[in-house]
């Protein structure tokens, strides 16, 4: 990603959760030295929020409830 001086950009981060609990991550954007000038390192704390749950698969099975 190249962000020019005094500009801004949007970065989309997509996460697919396997659990119902929220997850946490850290996003580091580390600058590359250009022309002898160091840029700032940006650190973001990301926290997920589960808003919608869909089943991965549905299984149908048939069996007797009770056998002697």
PDB file of N, CA and C in Angstrom:
ATOM      1  N   UNK A   1       0.855  -1.170   0.000  1.00  0.00           N
ATOM      2  CA  UNK A   1       0.000   0.000   0.000  1.00  0.00           C
ATOM      3  C   UNK A   1       0.896   1.225   0.000  1.00  0.00           C
ATOM      4  N   UNK A   2       0.619   2.136  -0.872  1.00  0.00           N
ATOM      5  CA  UNK A   2       1.370   3.389  -0.903  1.00  0.00           C
ATOM      6  C   UNK A   2       0.411   4.516  -0.550  1.00  0.00           C
ATOM      7  N   UNK A   3       0.740   5.242   0.507  1.00  0.00           N
ATOM      8  CA  UNK A   3      -0.038   6.400   0.914  1.00  0.00           C
ATOM      9  C   UNK A   3       0.871   7.615   0.769  1.00  0.00           C
ATOM     10  N   UNK A   4       0.516   8.495  -0.115  1.00  0.00           N
ATOM     11  CA  UNK A   4       1.322   9.677  -0.357  1.00  0.00           C
ATOM     12  C   UNK A   4       1.228  10.643   0.828  1.00  0.00           C
ATOM     13  N   UNK A   5       2.225  11.508   1.004  1.00  0.00           N
ATOM     14  CA  UNK A   5       2.194  12.470   2.114  1.00  0.00           C
ATOM     15  C   UNK A   5       0.932  13.327   2.084  1.00  0.00           C
ATOM     16  N   UNK A   6       0.404  13.581   3.251  1.00  0.00           N
ATOM     17  CA  UNK A   6      -0.798  14.388   3.446  1.00  0.00           C
ATOM     18  C   UNK A   6      -2.022  13.830   2.717  1.00  0.00           C
ATOM     19  N   UNK A   7      -2.045  12.553   2.524  1.00  0.00           N
ATOM     20  CA  UNK A   7      -3.184  11.881   1.892  1.00  0.00           C
ATOM     21  C   UNK A   7      -3.730  10.840   2.851  1.00  0.00           C
ATOM     22  N   UNK A   8      -4.844  10.261   2.501  1.00  0.00           N
ATOM     23  CA  UNK A   8      -5.417   9.187   3.299  1.00  0.00           C
ATOM     24  C   UNK A   8      -5.936   8.094   2.375  1.00  0.00           C
ATOM     25  N   UNK A   9      -6.137   6.909   2.932  1.00  0.00           N
ATOM     26  CA  UNK A   9      -6.668   5.790   2.166  1.00  0.00           C
ATOM     27  C   UNK A   9      -7.505   4.919   3.084  1.00  0.00           C
ATOM     28  N   UNK A  10      -8.342   4.105   2.503  1.00  0.00           N
ATOM     29  CA  UNK A  10      -9.151   3.151   3.261  1.00  0.00           C
ATOM     30  C   UNK A  10      -8.603   1.758   3.029  1.00  0.00           C
ATOM     31  N   UNK A  11      -8.549   0.980   4.102  1.00  0.00           N
ATOM     32  CA  UNK A  11      -8.098  -0.407   4.035  1.00  0.00           C
ATOM     33  C   UNK A  11      -9.220  -1.268   4.592  1.00  0.00           C
ATOM     34  N   UNK A  12      -9.680  -2.225   3.812  1.00  0.00           N
ATOM     35  CA  UNK A  12     -10.743  -3.123   4.255  1.00  0.00           C
ATOM     36  C   UNK A  12     -10.102  -4.383   4.830  1.00  0.00           C
ATOM     37  N   UNK A  13     -10.460  -4.695   6.063  1.00  0.00           N
ATOM     38  CA  UNK A  13      -9.976  -5.905   6.729  1.00  0.00           C
ATOM     39  C   UNK A  13     -11.185  -6.797   6.935  1.00  0.00           C
ATOM     40  N   UNK A  14     -11.134  -8.006   6.367  1.00  0.00           N
ATOM     41  CA  UNK A  14     -12.253  -8.941   6.472  1.00  0.00           C
ATOM     42  C   UNK A  14     -11.836 -10.122   7.328  1.00  0.00           C
ATOM     43  N   UNK A  15     -12.737 -10.536   8.199  1.00  0.00           N
ATOM     44  CA  UNK A  15     -12.453 -11.632   9.127  1.00  0.00           C
ATOM     45  C   UNK A  15     -13.664 -12.556   9.176  1.00  0.00           C
ATOM     46  N   UNK A  16     -13.425 -13.846   9.044  1.00  0.00           N
ATOM     47  CA  UNK A  16     -14.483 -14.842   9.174  1.00  0.00           C
ATOM     48  C   UNK A  16     -14.249 -15.615  10.463  1.00  0.00           C
ATOM     49  N   UNK A  17     -15.148 -15.444  11.404  1.00  0.00           N
ATOM     50  CA  UNK A  17     -14.988 -16.067  12.718  1.00  0.00           C
ATOM     51  C   UNK A  17     -15.467 -17.508  12.696  1.00  0.00           C
ATOM     52  N   UNK A  18     -14.759 -18.359  13.427  1.00  0.00           N
ATOM     53  CA  UNK A  18     -15.185 -19.748  13.598  1.00  0.00           C
ATOM     54  C   UNK A  18     -15.826 -19.943  14.963  1.00  0.00           C
ATOM     55  N   UNK A  19     -15.831 -18.898  15.770  1.00  0.00           N
ATOM     56  CA  UNK A  19     -16.338 -18.987  17.135  1.00  0.00           C
ATOM     57  C   UNK A  19     -17.328 -17.850  17.386  1.00  0.00           C
ATOM     58  N   UNK A  20     -18.151 -17.978  18.422  1.00  0.00           N
ATOM     59  CA  UNK A  20     -19.104 -16.933  18.771  1.00  0.00           C
ATOM     60  C   UNK A  20     -18.463 -15.803  19.567  1.00  0.00           C
ATOM     61  N   UNK A  21     -17.335 -16.103  20.193  1.00  0.00           N
ATOM     62  CA  UNK A  21     -16.666 -15.082  21.003  1.00  0.00           C
ATOM     63  C   UNK A  21     -15.946 -14.066  20.118  1.00  0.00           C
ATOM     64  N   UNK A  22     -15.862 -12.821  20.560  1.00  0.00           N
ATOM     65  CA  UNK A  22     -15.104 -11.821  19.804  1.00  0.00           C
ATOM     66  C   UNK A  22     -13.616 -12.171  19.767  1.00  0.00           C
ATOM     67  N   UNK A  23     -12.963 -11.796  18.691  1.00  0.00           N
ATOM     68  CA  UNK A  23     -11.526 -12.018  18.541  1.00  0.00           C
ATOM     69  C   UNK A  23     -10.826 -10.665  18.520  1.00  0.00           C
ATOM     70  N   UNK A  24      -9.539 -10.670  18.866  1.00  0.00           N
ATOM     71  CA  UNK A  24      -8.751  -9.441  18.861  1.00  0.00           C
ATOM     72  C   UNK A  24      -7.492  -9.657  18.033  1.00  0.00           C
ATOM     73  N   UNK A  25      -7.046  -8.600  17.377  1.00  0.00           N
ATOM     74  CA  UNK A  25      -5.830  -8.657  16.567  1.00  0.00           C
ATOM     75  C   UNK A  25      -5.186  -7.275  16.557  1.00  0.00           C
ATOM     76  N   UNK A  26      -3.948  -7.223  16.118  1.00  0.00           N
ATOM     77  CA  UNK A  26      -3.229  -5.960  15.986  1.00  0.00           C
ATOM     78  C   UNK A  26      -2.807  -5.817  14.526  1.00  0.00           C
ATOM     79  N   UNK A  27      -3.086  -4.658  13.944  1.00  0.00           N
ATOM     80  CA  UNK A  27      -2.681  -4.349  12.578  1.00  0.00           C
ATOM     81  C   UNK A  27      -1.556  -3.326  12.647  1.00  0.00           C
ATOM     82  N   UNK A  28      -0.386  -3.699  12.109  1.00  0.00           N
ATOM     83  CA  UNK A  28       0.771  -2.805  12.077  1.00  0.00           C
ATOM     84  C   UNK A  28       1.018  -2.362  10.647  1.00  0.00           C
ATOM     85  N   UNK A  29       1.113  -1.066  10.441  1.00  0.00           N
ATOM     86  CA  UNK A  29       1.494  -0.511   9.151  1.00  0.00           C
ATOM     87  C   UNK A  29       2.860   0.127   9.350  1.00  0.00           C
ATOM     88  N   UNK A  30       3.884  -0.513   8.796  1.00  0.00           N
ATOM     89  CA  UNK A  30       5.266  -0.091   9.004  1.00  0.00           C
ATOM     90  C   UNK A  30       5.738   0.650   7.764  1.00  0.00           C
ATOM     91  N   UNK A  31       6.316   1.817   7.977  1.00  0.00           N
ATOM     92  CA  UNK A  31       6.728   2.654   6.855  1.00  0.00           C
ATOM     93  C   UNK A  31       8.040   2.170   6.251  1.00  0.00           C
ATOM     94  N   UNK A  32       8.233   2.535   4.997  1.00  0.00           N
ATOM     95  CA  UNK A  32       9.461   2.238   4.280  1.00  0.00           C
ATOM     96  C   UNK A  32      10.192   3.567   4.070  1.00  0.00           C
ATOM     97  N   UNK A  33      11.486   3.581   4.330  1.00  0.00           N
ATOM     98  CA  UNK A  33      12.259   4.804   4.197  1.00  0.00           C
ATOM     99  C   UNK A  33      12.311   5.228   2.737  1.00  0.00           C
ATOM    100  N   UNK A  34      11.931   6.480   2.479  1.00  0.00           N
ATOM    101  CA  UNK A  34      11.945   7.028   1.131  1.00  0.00           C
ATOM    102  C   UNK A  34      12.743   8.325   1.157  1.00  0.00           C
ATOM    103  N   UNK A  35      13.841   8.367   0.424  1.00  0.00           N
ATOM    104  CA  UNK A  35      14.639   9.590   0.344  1.00  0.00           C
ATOM    105  C   UNK A  35      15.236  10.016   1.671  1.00  0.00           C
ATOM    106  N   UNK A  36      15.549   9.073   2.536  1.00  0.00           N
ATOM    107  CA  UNK A  36      16.166   9.395   3.822  1.00  0.00           C
ATOM    108  C   UNK A  36      15.186   9.851   4.884  1.00  0.00           C
ATOM    109  N   UNK A  37      13.893   9.841   4.594  1.00  0.00           N
ATOM    110  CA  UNK A  37      12.888  10.284   5.560  1.00  0.00           C
ATOM    111  C   UNK A  37      12.102   9.069   6.039  1.00  0.00           C
ATOM    112  N   UNK A  38      12.030   8.922   7.360  1.00  0.00           N
ATOM    113  CA  UNK A  38      11.241   7.833   7.946  1.00  0.00           C
ATOM    114  C   UNK A  38       9.799   8.282   8.109  1.00  0.00           C
ATOM    115  N   UNK A  39       8.879   7.387   7.817  1.00  0.00           N
ATOM    116  CA  UNK A  39       7.474   7.655   8.078  1.00  0.00           C
ATOM    117  C   UNK A  39       7.089   7.076   9.425  1.00  0.00           C
ATOM    118  N   UNK A  40       5.890   7.343   9.840  1.00  0.00           N
ATOM    119  CA  UNK A  40       5.418   6.856  11.136  1.00  0.00           C
ATOM    120  C   UNK A  40       4.917   5.420  11.010  1.00  0.00           C
ATOM    121  N   UNK A  41       5.120   4.632  12.051  1.00  0.00           N
ATOM    122  CA  UNK A  41       4.539   3.299  12.136  1.00  0.00           C
ATOM    123  C   UNK A  41       3.176   3.453  12.800  1.00  0.00           C
ATOM    124  N   UNK A  42       2.156   2.919  12.160  1.00  0.00           N
ATOM    125  CA  UNK A  42       0.803   3.032  12.687  1.00  0.00           C
ATOM    126  C   UNK A  42       0.377   1.684  13.267  1.00  0.00           C
ATOM    127  N   UNK A  43      -0.222   1.721  14.455  1.00  0.00           N
ATOM    128  CA  UNK A  43      -0.672   0.510  15.133  1.00  0.00           C
ATOM    129  C   UNK A  43      -2.161   0.634  15.432  1.00  0.00           C
ATOM    130  N   UNK A  44      -2.918  -0.414  15.050  1.00  0.00           N
ATOM    131  CA  UNK A  44      -4.353  -0.413  15.279  1.00  0.00           C
ATOM    132  C   UNK A  44      -4.736  -1.674  16.045  1.00  0.00           C
ATOM    133  N   UNK A  45      -5.585  -1.524  17.035  1.00  0.00           N
ATOM    134  CA  UNK A  45      -6.129  -2.658  17.772  1.00  0.00           C
ATOM    135  C   UNK A  45      -7.483  -2.988  17.153  1.00  0.00           C
ATOM    136  N   UNK A  46      -7.632  -4.215  16.656  1.00  0.00           N
ATOM    137  CA  UNK A  46      -8.869  -4.641  15.987  1.00  0.00           C
ATOM    138  C   UNK A  46      -9.634  -5.605  16.886  1.00  0.00           C
ATOM    139  N   UNK A  47     -10.931  -5.392  17.009  1.00  0.00           N
ATOM    140  CA  UNK A  47     -11.784  -6.283  17.794  1.00  0.00           C
ATOM    141  C   UNK A  47     -12.987  -6.659  16.941  1.00  0.00           C
ATOM    142  N   UNK A  48     -13.261  -7.948  16.863  1.00  0.00           N
ATOM    143  CA  UNK A  48     -14.388  -8.403  16.043  1.00  0.00           C
ATOM    144  C   UNK A  48     -15.685  -8.310  16.835  1.00  0.00           C
ATOM    145  N   UNK A  49     -16.780  -8.296  16.086  1.00  0.00           N
ATOM    146  CA  UNK A  49     -18.104  -8.288  16.686  1.00  0.00           C
ATOM    147  C   UNK A  49     -18.970  -9.215  15.845  1.00  0.00           C
ATOM    148  N   UNK A  50     -19.473 -10.290  16.432  1.00  0.00           N
ATOM    149  CA  UNK A  50     -20.291 -11.257  15.703  1.00  0.00           C
ATOM    150  C   UNK A  50     -21.725 -10.733  15.674  1.00  0.00           C
ATOM    151  N   UNK A  51     -22.194 -10.404  14.453  1.00  0.00           N
ATOM    152  CA  UNK A  51     -23.539  -9.847  14.297  1.00  0.00           C
ATOM    153  C   UNK A  51     -24.499 -10.834  13.647  1.00  0.00           C
ATOM    154  N   UNK A  52     -23.972 -11.797  12.916  1.00  0.00           N
ATOM    155  CA  UNK A  52     -24.836 -12.715  12.168  1.00  0.00           C
ATOM    156  C   UNK A  52     -24.180 -14.090  12.146  1.00  0.00           C
ATOM    157  N   UNK A  53     -24.978 -15.122  12.350  1.00  0.00           N
ATOM    158  CA  UNK A  53     -24.461 -16.491  12.367  1.00  0.00           C
ATOM    159  C   UNK A  53     -25.226 -17.311  11.337  1.00  0.00           C
ATOM    160  N   UNK A  54     -24.491 -18.026  10.494  1.00  0.00           N
ATOM    161  CA  UNK A  54     -25.098 -18.943   9.533  1.00  0.00           C
ATOM    162  C   UNK A  54     -24.512 -20.334   9.757  1.00  0.00           C
ATOM    163  N   UNK A  55     -25.336 -21.371   9.675  1.00  0.00           N
ATOM    164  CA  UNK A  55     -24.798 -22.716   9.833  1.00  0.00           C
ATOM    165  C   UNK A  55     -23.878 -23.080   8.671  1.00  0.00           C
ATOM    166  N   UNK A  56     -22.817 -23.823   8.977  1.00  0.00           N
ATOM    167  CA  UNK A  56     -21.887 -24.267   7.938  1.00  0.00           C
ATOM    168  C   UNK A  56     -22.527 -25.343   7.067  1.00  0.00           C
ATOM    169  N   UNK A  57     -23.345 -26.200   7.681  1.00  0.00           N
ATOM    170  CA  UNK A  57     -24.008 -27.271   6.952  1.00  0.00           C
ATOM    171  C   UNK A  57     -25.164 -27.785   7.800  1.00  0.00           C
ATOM    172  N   UNK A  58     -26.140 -28.373   7.157  1.00  0.00           N
ATOM    173  CA  UNK A  58     -27.281 -28.966   7.857  1.00  0.00           C
ATOM    174  C   UNK A  58     -27.314 -30.452   7.524  1.00  0.00           C
ATOM    175  N   UNK A  59     -27.361 -31.268   8.554  1.00  0.00           N
ATOM    176  CA  UNK A  59     -27.418 -32.716   8.380  1.00  0.00           C
ATOM    177  C   UNK A  59     -28.787 -33.223   8.798  1.00  0.00           C
ATOM    178  N   UNK A  60     -29.371 -34.087   7.974  1.00  0.00           N
ATOM    179  CA  UNK A  60     -30.638 -34.726   8.323  1.00  0.00           C
ATOM    180  C   UNK A  60     -30.363 -36.204   8.538  1.00  0.00           C
ATOM    181  N   UNK A  61     -30.807 -36.711   9.663  1.00  0.00           N
ATOM    182  CA  UNK A  61     -30.644 -38.140   9.914  1.00  0.00           C
ATOM    183  C   UNK A  61     -31.928 -38.682  10.531  1.00  0.00           C
ATOM    184  N   UNK A  62     -32.146 -39.967  10.311  1.00  0.00           N
ATOM    185  CA  UNK A  62     -33.355 -40.623  10.788  1.00  0.00           C
ATOM    186  C   UNK A  62     -32.943 -41.835  11.603  1.00  0.00           C
ATOM    187  N   UNK A  63     -33.499 -41.947  12.818  1.00  0.00           N
ATOM    188  CA  UNK A  63     -33.202 -43.115  13.648  1.00  0.00           C
ATOM    189  C   UNK A  63     -34.351 -43.293  14.633  1.00  0.00           C
ATOM    190  N   UNK A  64     -34.533 -44.520  15.094  1.00  0.00           N
ATOM    191  CA  UNK A  64     -35.602 -44.735  16.072  1.00  0.00           C
ATOM    192  C   UNK A  64     -35.219 -44.081  17.417  1.00  0.00           C
ATOM    193  N   UNK A  65     -36.240 -43.608  18.101  1.00  0.00           N
ATOM    194  CA  UNK A  65     -35.976 -42.950  19.385  1.00  0.00           C
ATOM    195  C   UNK A  65     -35.633 -43.978  20.474  1.00  0.00           C
ATOM    196  N   UNK A  66     -36.214 -45.175  20.385  1.00  0.00           N
ATOM    197  CA  UNK A  66     -35.990 -46.164  21.411  1.00  0.00           C
ATOM    198  C   UNK A  66     -36.127 -47.552  20.823  1.00  0.00           C
ATOM    199  N   UNK A  67     -35.215 -48.435  21.200  1.00  0.00           N
ATOM    200  CA  UNK A  67     -35.305 -49.835  20.792  1.00  0.00           C
ATOM    201  C   UNK A  67     -35.193 -50.720  22.019  1.00  0.00           C
ATOM    202  N   UNK A  68     -35.951 -51.813  22.022  1.00  0.00           N
ATOM    203  CA  UNK A  68     -35.832 -52.781  23.126  1.00  0.00           C
ATOM    204  C   UNK A  68     -34.563 -53.595  23.020  1.00  0.00           C
TER     205      UNK A  68
END
